[in-house]
């Protein structure tokens, strides 16, 4: 192969690498923009579940109330017998990258 051809191939490779990187970056931004409302909902829901009213209660009671609850396990002794929930799905609607 001639040096000129090698140089042309290197230039094409560099140009396409940049174009592909830009396309992937744009697609990723598009997906994140579409998921942002869902992520905001998760954040708000997480914050509101940790709010505890402190009127008329002591600090120990507040701490106990603010601990995360495990509604899937009724008795802590049963916890090791039950498998962790691992299957879940999220409906993200229709979007194109």
Protein backbone atom coordinates (compact mmCIF):
# COMPACT_ATOMS: atom_id res chain seq x y z
CA UNK A 1 0.00 0.00 0.00
CA UNK A 2 1.30 3.43 -0.81
CA UNK A 3 1.89 6.00 1.90
CA UNK A 4 -0.79 8.23 0.35
CA UNK A 5 -3.40 5.48 0.71
CA UNK A 6 -2.42 4.84 4.31
CA UNK A 7 -2.78 8.55 5.03
CA UNK A 8 -6.22 8.69 3.39
CA UNK A 9 -7.36 5.62 5.33
CA UNK A 10 -6.13 7.16 8.60
CA UNK A 11 -8.02 10.40 7.84
CA UNK A 12 -11.22 8.51 7.01
CA UNK A 13 -10.89 6.40 10.14
CA UNK A 14 -10.44 9.50 12.32
CA UNK A 15 -13.39 11.29 10.68
CA UNK A 16 -15.74 8.31 11.01
CA UNK A 17 -14.64 7.71 14.59
CA UNK A 18 -15.62 11.29 15.45
CA UNK A 19 -18.94 11.01 13.58
CA UNK A 20 -19.83 7.73 15.29
CA UNK A 21 -18.91 9.13 18.71
CA UNK A 22 -21.09 12.19 18.10
CA UNK A 23 -24.02 10.03 16.94
CA UNK A 24 -23.80 7.79 20.01
CA UNK A 25 -23.54 10.84 22.29
CA UNK A 26 -26.63 12.42 20.67
CA UNK A 27 -28.60 9.17 20.96
CA UNK A 28 -27.62 8.80 24.62
CA UNK A 29 -28.67 12.38 25.37
CA UNK A 30 -31.99 11.78 23.63
CA UNK A 31 -32.67 8.67 25.72
CA UNK A 32 -31.70 10.43 28.95
CA UNK A 33 -33.93 13.40 28.09
CA UNK A 34 -36.86 11.05 27.58
CA UNK A 35 -36.14 9.17 30.82
CA UNK A 36 -35.65 12.32 32.93
CA UNK A 37 -39.34 12.74 33.92
CA UNK A 38 -39.39 9.12 35.09
CA UNK A 39 -36.14 9.62 37.05
CA UNK A 40 -37.55 12.80 38.62
CA UNK A 41 -40.65 10.88 39.70
CA UNK A 42 -38.48 8.25 41.38
CA UNK A 43 -36.50 10.95 43.18
CA UNK A 44 -39.62 12.75 44.45
CA UNK A 45 -41.22 9.48 45.54
CA UNK A 46 -38.07 8.47 47.43
CA UNK A 47 -37.88 11.83 49.20
CA UNK A 48 -41.53 11.83 50.25
CA UNK A 49 -41.39 8.34 51.76
CA UNK A 50 -38.59 9.42 54.09
CA UNK A 51 -40.46 12.42 55.52
CA UNK A 52 -41.29 11.91 59.18
CA UNK A 53 -43.44 14.15 61.37
CA UNK A 54 -41.68 14.94 64.66
CA UNK A 55 -44.60 16.58 66.46
CA UNK A 56 -45.23 14.97 69.84
CA UNK A 57 -42.70 12.15 69.44
CA UNK A 58 -39.20 11.49 70.71
CA UNK A 59 -36.04 11.17 68.60
CA UNK A 60 -35.90 7.37 68.93
CA UNK A 61 -39.45 7.06 67.66
CA UNK A 62 -38.62 9.36 64.72
CA UNK A 63 -35.58 7.26 63.85
CA UNK A 64 -37.65 4.07 63.88
CA UNK A 65 -40.32 5.64 61.65
CA UNK A 66 -37.73 6.90 59.16
CA UNK A 67 -36.20 3.44 58.62
CA UNK A 68 -37.12 1.89 55.27
CA UNK A 69 -39.94 -0.63 55.49
CA UNK A 70 -39.92 -4.02 53.88
CA UNK A 71 -43.58 -4.58 53.03
CA UNK A 72 -42.78 -7.89 51.32
CA UNK A 73 -41.70 -9.61 54.54
CA UNK A 74 -44.13 -9.70 57.46
CA UNK A 75 -41.78 -11.23 59.99
CA UNK A 76 -38.02 -10.60 60.05
CA UNK A 77 -37.38 -14.26 60.88
CA UNK A 78 -39.05 -15.18 57.56
CA UNK A 79 -36.74 -12.89 55.62
CA UNK A 80 -33.97 -15.41 55.00
CA UNK A 81 -36.48 -17.97 53.73
CA UNK A 82 -37.87 -15.67 51.05
CA UNK A 83 -35.94 -14.82 47.88
CA UNK A 84 -35.10 -11.21 47.14
CA UNK A 85 -37.31 -9.56 44.54
CA UNK A 86 -35.20 -9.40 41.40
CA UNK A 87 -37.67 -9.35 38.53
CA UNK A 88 -39.15 -6.00 37.62
CA UNK A 89 -40.03 -4.13 34.48
CA UNK A 90 -40.29 -0.48 33.59
CA UNK A 91 -42.61 0.80 30.88
CA UNK A 92 -40.66 3.59 29.22
CA UNK A 93 -43.15 4.06 26.41
CA UNK A 94 -42.10 4.28 22.80
CA UNK A 95 -38.92 6.14 22.09
CA UNK A 96 -36.31 5.95 19.40
CA UNK A 97 -32.59 6.53 19.82
